[in-house]
Every structure is written in structure tokens, then in C-alpha cells.
Amino acid sequence: MQLPRPVTSIVTVVGFIAGMAAHSAMVSRGISLRSVLGRGDQTDKVGAAIAARQTSAQYVAIREFFAQFPGKTNIVLFCD
């Protein structure tokens, strides 16, 4: 059985509004979809990856290279 077009439109709009309300409630309470689905918090993994990267030989060499250029700027351009 197929629903009449106006009913389908109303159901779609109500579903959209309910989804937006649920999203807004989750955001205001700091709940992520990953935590709801049981995927866990990745903050520790990301923090460990950043710490490991900042102690790598390549990162240290680049940091020391750019430390040789004094000055402050808001824009840095890297290109070929």
C-alpha cells in the first residue's frame, strides 16, 4: 500500500524535524554519535599519535629549521 503524496511529505518533514531536535539535544549535552553507537572515544588515540609525531626525527628537524627564521606572521605559504 502506497501512502498519498501529502502524507508522505508530512511524515518526511516530521522525521526531519525530529532528527534535528535529537541532534541538537545530543550536541548540547556533548554526546557524540560515535559514543551512542559504542565506537568509543578516540581522544586518547589521537593524543598519542600527535605526541609520537612531535618527537619524530622528521618533525624535530623541520621544527629546528623553522626556528632559525625569527619573526611573527599570520600567514605561511608552502608551494612547489
PDB file of N, CA and C in Angstrom:
ATOM      1  N   MET A   1       0.838  -1.186   0.000  1.00  0.00           N
ATOM      2  CA  MET A   1       0.000   0.000   0.000  1.00  0.00           C
ATOM      3  C   MET A   1       0.879   1.245   0.000  1.00  0.00           C
ATOM      4  N   GLN A   2       0.592   2.121  -0.909  1.00  0.00           N
ATOM      5  CA  GLN A   2       1.350   3.358  -1.013  1.00  0.00           C
ATOM      6  C   GLN A   2       0.544   4.497  -0.399  1.00  0.00           C
ATOM      7  N   LEU A   3       1.226   5.301   0.433  1.00  0.00           N
ATOM      8  CA  LEU A   3       0.559   6.425   1.086  1.00  0.00           C
ATOM      9  C   LEU A   3       0.369   7.566   0.097  1.00  0.00           C
ATOM     10  N   PRO A   4      -0.670   8.363   0.306  1.00  0.00           N
ATOM     11  CA  PRO A   4      -0.858   9.541  -0.559  1.00  0.00           C
ATOM     12  C   PRO A   4       0.325  10.502  -0.417  1.00  0.00           C
ATOM     13  N   ARG A   5       0.593  11.240  -1.461  1.00  0.00           N
ATOM     14  CA  ARG A   5       1.737  12.157  -1.517  1.00  0.00           C
ATOM     15  C   ARG A   5       1.774  13.157  -0.350  1.00  0.00           C
ATOM     16  N   PRO A   6       0.666  13.799   0.023  1.00  0.00           N
ATOM     17  CA  PRO A   6       0.724  14.744   1.158  1.00  0.00           C
ATOM     18  C   PRO A   6       1.123  14.062   2.473  1.00  0.00           C
ATOM     19  N   VAL A   7       0.670  12.823   2.681  1.00  0.00           N
ATOM     20  CA  VAL A   7       1.013  12.108   3.906  1.00  0.00           C
ATOM     21  C   VAL A   7       2.501  11.790   3.919  1.00  0.00           C
ATOM     22  N   THR A   8       3.020  11.348   2.790  1.00  0.00           N
ATOM     23  CA  THR A   8       4.448  11.056   2.678  1.00  0.00           C
ATOM     24  C   THR A   8       5.271  12.310   2.962  1.00  0.00           C
ATOM     25  N   SER A   9       4.860  13.438   2.431  1.00  0.00           N
ATOM     26  CA  SER A   9       5.575  14.697   2.667  1.00  0.00           C
ATOM     27  C   SER A   9       5.551  15.072   4.141  1.00  0.00           C
ATOM     28  N   ILE A  10       4.397  14.932   4.764  1.00  0.00           N
ATOM     29  CA  ILE A  10       4.281  15.283   6.183  1.00  0.00           C
ATOM     30  C   ILE A  10       5.153  14.360   7.035  1.00  0.00           C
ATOM     31  N   VAL A  11       5.149  13.081   6.755  1.00  0.00           N
ATOM     32  CA  VAL A  11       5.969  12.128   7.511  1.00  0.00           C
ATOM     33  C   VAL A  11       7.446  12.463   7.335  1.00  0.00           C
ATOM     34  N   THR A  12       7.843  12.806   6.120  1.00  0.00           N
ATOM     35  CA  THR A  12       9.239  13.161   5.859  1.00  0.00           C
ATOM     36  C   THR A  12       9.644  14.407   6.649  1.00  0.00           C
ATOM     37  N   VAL A  13       8.819  15.426   6.644  1.00  0.00           N
ATOM     38  CA  VAL A  13       9.129  16.672   7.351  1.00  0.00           C
ATOM     39  C   VAL A  13       9.170  16.438   8.863  1.00  0.00           C
ATOM     40  N   VAL A  14       8.230  15.687   9.386  1.00  0.00           N
ATOM     41  CA  VAL A  14       8.213  15.400  10.822  1.00  0.00           C
ATOM     42  C   VAL A  14       9.448  14.591  11.210  1.00  0.00           C
ATOM     43  N   GLY A  15       9.829  13.616  10.382  1.00  0.00           N
ATOM     44  CA  GLY A  15      11.040  12.843  10.648  1.00  0.00           C
ATOM     45  C   GLY A  15      12.285  13.709  10.637  1.00  0.00           C
ATOM     46  N   PHE A  16      12.360  14.626   9.683  1.00  0.00           N
ATOM     47  CA  PHE A  16      13.497  15.540   9.603  1.00  0.00           C
ATOM     48  C   PHE A  16      13.571  16.421  10.846  1.00  0.00           C
ATOM     49  N   ILE A  17      12.448  16.979  11.251  1.00  0.00           N
ATOM     50  CA  ILE A  17      12.422  17.851  12.429  1.00  0.00           C
ATOM     51  C   ILE A  17      12.801  17.067  13.688  1.00  0.00           C
ATOM     52  N   ALA A  18      12.312  15.833  13.806  1.00  0.00           N
ATOM     53  CA  ALA A  18      12.660  15.008  14.967  1.00  0.00           C
ATOM     54  C   ALA A  18      14.156  14.705  14.975  1.00  0.00           C
ATOM     55  N   GLY A  19      14.721  14.426  13.819  1.00  0.00           N
ATOM     56  CA  GLY A  19      16.154  14.173  13.727  1.00  0.00           C
ATOM     57  C   GLY A  19      16.971  15.391  14.110  1.00  0.00           C
ATOM     58  N   MET A  20      16.566  16.555  13.659  1.00  0.00           N
ATOM     59  CA  MET A  20      17.275  17.791  14.005  1.00  0.00           C
ATOM     60  C   MET A  20      17.169  18.076  15.501  1.00  0.00           C
ATOM     61  N   ALA A  21      16.016  17.807  16.086  1.00  0.00           N
ATOM     62  CA  ALA A  21      15.847  18.016  17.532  1.00  0.00           C
ATOM     63  C   ALA A  21      16.744  17.055  18.313  1.00  0.00           C
ATOM     64  N   ALA A  22      16.817  15.805  17.876  1.00  0.00           N
ATOM     65  CA  ALA A  22      17.682  14.836  18.546  1.00  0.00           C
ATOM     66  C   ALA A  22      19.148  15.254  18.423  1.00  0.00           C
ATOM     67  N   HIS A  23      19.536  15.706  17.249  1.00  0.00           N
ATOM     68  CA  HIS A  23      20.917  16.156  17.043  1.00  0.00           C
ATOM     69  C   HIS A  23      21.235  17.343  17.941  1.00  0.00           C
ATOM     70  N   SER A  24      20.342  18.284  18.011  1.00  0.00           N
ATOM     71  CA  SER A  24      20.548  19.467  18.846  1.00  0.00           C
ATOM     72  C   SER A  24      20.678  19.077  20.317  1.00  0.00           C
ATOM     73  N   ALA A  25      19.842  18.147  20.773  1.00  0.00           N
ATOM     74  CA  ALA A  25      19.912  17.703  22.169  1.00  0.00           C
ATOM     75  C   ALA A  25      21.234  16.996  22.447  1.00  0.00           C
ATOM     76  N   MET A  26      21.695  16.183  21.500  1.00  0.00           N
ATOM     77  CA  MET A  26      22.970  15.481  21.685  1.00  0.00           C
ATOM     78  C   MET A  26      24.132  16.470  21.742  1.00  0.00           C
ATOM     79  N   VAL A  27      24.131  17.436  20.853  1.00  0.00           N
ATOM     80  CA  VAL A  27      25.219  18.420  20.813  1.00  0.00           C
ATOM     81  C   VAL A  27      25.247  19.247  22.091  1.00  0.00           C
ATOM     82  N   SER A  28      24.097  19.658  22.573  1.00  0.00           N
ATOM     83  CA  SER A  28      24.051  20.493  23.773  1.00  0.00           C
ATOM     84  C   SER A  28      24.524  19.736  25.014  1.00  0.00           C
ATOM     85  N   ARG A  29      24.425  18.418  24.985  1.00  0.00           N
ATOM     86  CA  ARG A  29      24.875  17.605  26.126  1.00  0.00           C
ATOM     87  C   ARG A  29      26.251  16.997  25.906  1.00  0.00           C
ATOM     88  N   GLY A  30      26.867  17.295  24.774  1.00  0.00           N
ATOM     89  CA  GLY A  30      28.205  16.792  24.493  1.00  0.00           C
ATOM     90  C   GLY A  30      28.246  15.311  24.160  1.00  0.00           C
ATOM     91  N   ILE A  31      27.167  14.809  23.604  1.00  0.00           N
ATOM     92  CA  ILE A  31      27.100  13.385  23.236  1.00  0.00           C
ATOM     93  C   ILE A  31      27.401  13.264  21.752  1.00  0.00           C
ATOM     94  N   SER A  32      28.296  12.345  21.410  1.00  0.00           N
ATOM     95  CA  SER A  32      28.610  12.139  20.004  1.00  0.00           C
ATOM     96  C   SER A  32      27.919  10.889  19.487  1.00  0.00           C
ATOM     97  N   LEU A  33      27.742  10.824  18.193  1.00  0.00           N
ATOM     98  CA  LEU A  33      27.131   9.653  17.582  1.00  0.00           C
ATOM     99  C   LEU A  33      28.015   8.432  17.769  1.00  0.00           C
ATOM    100  N   ARG A  34      29.337   8.643  17.764  1.00  0.00           N
ATOM    101  CA  ARG A  34      30.268   7.530  17.986  1.00  0.00           C
ATOM    102  C   ARG A  34      30.049   6.896  19.360  1.00  0.00           C
ATOM    103  N   SER A  35      29.834   7.715  20.378  1.00  0.00           N
ATOM    104  CA  SER A  35      29.614   7.153  21.715  1.00  0.00           C
ATOM    105  C   SER A  35      28.261   6.457  21.799  1.00  0.00           C
ATOM    106  N   VAL A  36      27.264   6.968  21.102  1.00  0.00           N
ATOM    107  CA  VAL A  36      25.945   6.340  21.101  1.00  0.00           C
ATOM    108  C   VAL A  36      26.017   4.965  20.436  1.00  0.00           C
ATOM    109  N   LEU A  37      26.801   4.857  19.374  1.00  0.00           N
ATOM    110  CA  LEU A  37      26.934   3.593  18.647  1.00  0.00           C
ATOM    111  C   LEU A  37      27.964   2.662  19.274  1.00  0.00           C
ATOM    112  N   GLY A  38      28.586   3.102  20.368  1.00  0.00           N
ATOM    113  CA  GLY A  38      29.536   2.261  21.069  1.00  0.00           C
ATOM    114  C   GLY A  38      30.906   2.194  20.428  1.00  0.00           C
ATOM    115  N   ARG A  39      31.244   3.179  19.614  1.00  0.00           N
ATOM    116  CA  ARG A  39      32.539   3.199  18.946  1.00  0.00           C
ATOM    117  C   ARG A  39      33.623   3.777  19.845  1.00  0.00           C
ATOM    118  N   GLY A  40      33.266   4.334  20.985  1.00  0.00           N
ATOM    119  CA  GLY A  40      34.242   4.825  21.954  1.00  0.00           C
ATOM    120  C   GLY A  40      34.817   6.176  21.600  1.00  0.00           C
ATOM    121  N   ASP A  41      35.600   6.672  22.533  1.00  0.00           N
ATOM    122  CA  ASP A  41      36.229   7.981  22.382  1.00  0.00           C
ATOM    123  C   ASP A  41      37.637   7.803  21.820  1.00  0.00           C
ATOM    124  N   GLN A  42      37.953   8.507  20.787  1.00  0.00           N
ATOM    125  CA  GLN A  42      39.242   8.391  20.118  1.00  0.00           C
ATOM    126  C   GLN A  42      40.248   9.423  20.614  1.00  0.00           C
ATOM    127  N   THR A  43      39.900  10.216  21.617  1.00  0.00           N
ATOM    128  CA  THR A  43      40.760  11.300  22.078  1.00  0.00           C
ATOM    129  C   THR A  43      42.131  10.802  22.514  1.00  0.00           C
ATOM    130  N   ASP A  44      42.172   9.709  23.258  1.00  0.00           N
ATOM    131  CA  ASP A  44      43.454   9.183  23.730  1.00  0.00           C
ATOM    132  C   ASP A  44      44.334   8.724  22.572  1.00  0.00           C
ATOM    133  N   LYS A  45      43.730   8.062  21.605  1.00  0.00           N
ATOM    134  CA  LYS A  45      44.491   7.592  20.445  1.00  0.00           C
ATOM    135  C   LYS A  45      45.046   8.768  19.639  1.00  0.00           C
ATOM    136  N   VAL A  46      44.230   9.780  19.438  1.00  0.00           N
ATOM    137  CA  VAL A  46      44.672  10.945  18.676  1.00  0.00           C
ATOM    138  C   VAL A  46      45.779  11.677  19.423  1.00  0.00           C
ATOM    139  N   GLY A  47      45.632  11.838  20.735  1.00  0.00           N
ATOM    140  CA  GLY A  47      46.662  12.499  21.530  1.00  0.00           C
ATOM    141  C   GLY A  47      47.981  11.755  21.481  1.00  0.00           C
ATOM    142  N   ALA A  48      47.937  10.419  21.549  1.00  0.00           N
ATOM    143  CA  ALA A  48      49.157   9.610  21.473  1.00  0.00           C
ATOM    144  C   ALA A  48      49.805   9.727  20.099  1.00  0.00           C
ATOM    145  N   ALA A  49      48.990   9.763  19.056  1.00  0.00           N
ATOM    146  CA  ALA A  49      49.530   9.896  17.699  1.00  0.00           C
ATOM    147  C   ALA A  49      50.208  11.248  17.508  1.00  0.00           C
ATOM    148  N   ILE A  50      49.610  12.309  18.029  1.00  0.00           N
ATOM    149  CA  ILE A  50      50.212  13.643  17.920  1.00  0.00           C
ATOM    150  C   ILE A  50      51.514  13.694  18.711  1.00  0.00           C
ATOM    151  N   ALA A  51      51.523  13.146  19.913  1.00  0.00           N
ATOM    152  CA  ALA A  51      52.748  13.143  20.719  1.00  0.00           C
ATOM    153  C   ALA A  51      53.853  12.360  20.036  1.00  0.00           C
ATOM    154  N   ALA A  52      53.517  11.227  19.435  1.00  0.00           N
ATOM    155  CA  ALA A  52      54.523  10.429  18.732  1.00  0.00           C
ATOM    156  C   ALA A  52      55.062  11.182  17.523  1.00  0.00           C
ATOM    157  N   ARG A  53      54.191  11.888  16.837  1.00  0.00           N
ATOM    158  CA  ARG A  53      54.618  12.644  15.646  1.00  0.00           C
ATOM    159  C   ARG A  53      55.540  13.796  16.037  1.00  0.00           C
ATOM    160  N   GLN A  54      55.261  14.453  17.156  1.00  0.00           N
ATOM    161  CA  GLN A  54      56.057  15.607  17.560  1.00  0.00           C
ATOM    162  C   GLN A  54      57.432  15.223  18.073  1.00  0.00           C
ATOM    163  N   THR A  55      57.676  13.970  18.314  1.00  0.00           N
ATOM    164  CA  THR A  55      59.004  13.543  18.747  1.00  0.00           C
ATOM    165  C   THR A  55      59.745  12.795  17.636  1.00  0.00           C
ATOM    166  N   SER A  56      59.145  12.697  16.445  1.00  0.00           N
ATOM    167  CA  SER A  56      59.813  12.004  15.351  1.00  0.00           C
ATOM    168  C   SER A  56      60.990  12.842  14.852  1.00  0.00           C
ATOM    169  N   ALA A  57      61.967  12.180  14.252  1.00  0.00           N
ATOM    170  CA  ALA A  57      63.166  12.865  13.763  1.00  0.00           C
ATOM    171  C   ALA A  57      62.816  13.895  12.695  1.00  0.00           C
ATOM    172  N   GLN A  58      61.878  13.569  11.820  1.00  0.00           N
ATOM    173  CA  GLN A  58      61.480  14.500  10.761  1.00  0.00           C
ATOM    174  C   GLN A  58      60.863  15.763  11.357  1.00  0.00           C
ATOM    175  N   TYR A  59      59.971  15.612  12.320  1.00  0.00           N
ATOM    176  CA  TYR A  59      59.318  16.764  12.932  1.00  0.00           C
ATOM    177  C   TYR A  59      60.339  17.642  13.644  1.00  0.00           C
ATOM    178  N   VAL A  60      61.245  17.023  14.386  1.00  0.00           N
ATOM    179  CA  VAL A  60      62.264  17.779  15.118  1.00  0.00           C
ATOM    180  C   VAL A  60      63.149  18.549  14.145  1.00  0.00           C
ATOM    181  N   ALA A  61      63.546  17.927  13.029  1.00  0.00           N
ATOM    182  CA  ALA A  61      64.393  18.599  12.037  1.00  0.00           C
ATOM    183  C   ALA A  61      63.667  19.793  11.414  1.00  0.00           C
ATOM    184  N   ILE A  62      62.418  19.626  11.080  1.00  0.00           N
ATOM    185  CA  ILE A  62      61.647  20.725  10.479  1.00  0.00           C
ATOM    186  C   ILE A  62      61.451  21.843  11.496  1.00  0.00           C
ATOM    187  N   ARG A  63      61.147  21.483  12.738  1.00  0.00           N
ATOM    188  CA  ARG A  63      60.959  22.492  13.789  1.00  0.00           C
ATOM    189  C   ARG A  63      62.232  23.300  14.000  1.00  0.00           C
ATOM    190  N   GLU A  64      63.382  22.639  14.036  1.00  0.00           N
ATOM    191  CA  GLU A  64      64.658  23.340  14.211  1.00  0.00           C
ATOM    192  C   GLU A  64      64.979  24.220  13.009  1.00  0.00           C
ATOM    193  N   PHE A  65      64.635  23.752  11.808  1.00  0.00           N
ATOM    194  CA  PHE A  65      64.869  24.552  10.606  1.00  0.00           C
ATOM    195  C   PHE A  65      64.080  25.859  10.660  1.00  0.00           C
ATOM    196  N   PHE A  66      62.785  25.768  10.976  1.00  0.00           N
ATOM    197  CA  PHE A  66      61.962  26.971  11.006  1.00  0.00           C
ATOM    198  C   PHE A  66      62.261  27.854  12.211  1.00  0.00           C
ATOM    199  N   ALA A  67      62.868  27.320  13.254  1.00  0.00           N
ATOM    200  CA  ALA A  67      63.239  28.129  14.407  1.00  0.00           C
ATOM    201  C   ALA A  67      64.359  29.106  14.064  1.00  0.00           C
ATOM    202  N   GLN A  68      65.061  28.869  12.953  1.00  0.00           N
ATOM    203  CA  GLN A  68      66.144  29.758  12.529  1.00  0.00           C
ATOM    204  C   GLN A  68      65.629  31.063  11.941  1.00  0.00           C
ATOM    205  N   PHE A  69      64.354  31.135  11.603  1.00  0.00           N
ATOM    206  CA  PHE A  69      63.787  32.323  10.974  1.00  0.00           C
ATOM    207  C   PHE A  69      62.948  33.091  11.983  1.00  0.00           C
ATOM    208  N   PRO A  70      63.525  34.155  12.560  1.00  0.00           N
ATOM    209  CA  PRO A  70      62.761  34.906  13.564  1.00  0.00           C
ATOM    210  C   PRO A  70      61.637  35.707  12.903  1.00  0.00           C
ATOM    211  N   GLY A  71      60.712  36.117  13.700  1.00  0.00           N
ATOM    212  CA  GLY A  71      59.612  36.947  13.214  1.00  0.00           C
ATOM    213  C   GLY A  71      58.286  36.285  13.479  1.00  0.00           C
ATOM    214  N   LYS A  72      57.264  37.084  13.360  1.00  0.00           N
ATOM    215  CA  LYS A  72      55.920  36.581  13.581  1.00  0.00           C
ATOM    216  C   LYS A  72      55.097  36.884  12.347  1.00  0.00           C
ATOM    217  N   THR A  73      54.283  35.933  11.982  1.00  0.00           N
ATOM    218  CA  THR A  73      53.414  36.119  10.832  1.00  0.00           C
ATOM    219  C   THR A  73      52.118  35.357  11.052  1.00  0.00           C
ATOM    220  N   ASN A  74      51.104  35.768  10.369  1.00  0.00           N
ATOM    221  CA  ASN A  74      49.822  35.082  10.462  1.00  0.00           C
ATOM    222  C   ASN A  74      49.596  34.157   9.276  1.00  0.00           C
ATOM    223  N   ILE A  75      50.436  34.281   8.234  1.00  0.00           N
ATOM    224  CA  ILE A  75      50.241  33.510   7.017  1.00  0.00           C
ATOM    225  C   ILE A  75      51.573  32.832   6.651  1.00  0.00           C
ATOM    226  N   VAL A  76      51.488  31.547   6.357  1.00  0.00           N
ATOM    227  CA  VAL A  76      52.633  30.796   5.858  1.00  0.00           C
ATOM    228  C   VAL A  76      52.193  30.124   4.588  1.00  0.00           C
ATOM    229  N   LEU A  77      52.986  30.244   3.524  1.00  0.00           N
ATOM    230  CA  LEU A  77      52.625  29.672   2.238  1.00  0.00           C
ATOM    231  C   LEU A  77      53.658  28.623   1.858  1.00  0.00           C
ATOM    232  N   PHE A  78      53.207  27.401   1.649  1.00  0.00           N
ATOM    233  CA  PHE A  78      54.063  26.321   1.165  1.00  0.00           C
ATOM    234  C   PHE A  78      53.600  25.968  -0.234  1.00  0.00           C
ATOM    235  N   CYS A  79      54.531  25.882  -1.166  1.00  0.00           N
ATOM    236  CA  CYS A  79      54.126  25.516  -2.524  1.00  0.00           C
ATOM    237  C   CYS A  79      55.318  24.888  -3.255  1.00  0.00           C
ATOM    238  N   ASP A  80      55.035  24.338  -4.417  1.00  0.00           N
ATOM    239  CA  ASP A  80      56.073  23.721  -5.237  1.00  0.00           C
ATOM    240  C   ASP A  80      56.856  24.781  -5.994  1.00  0.00           C
TER     241      ASP A  80
END
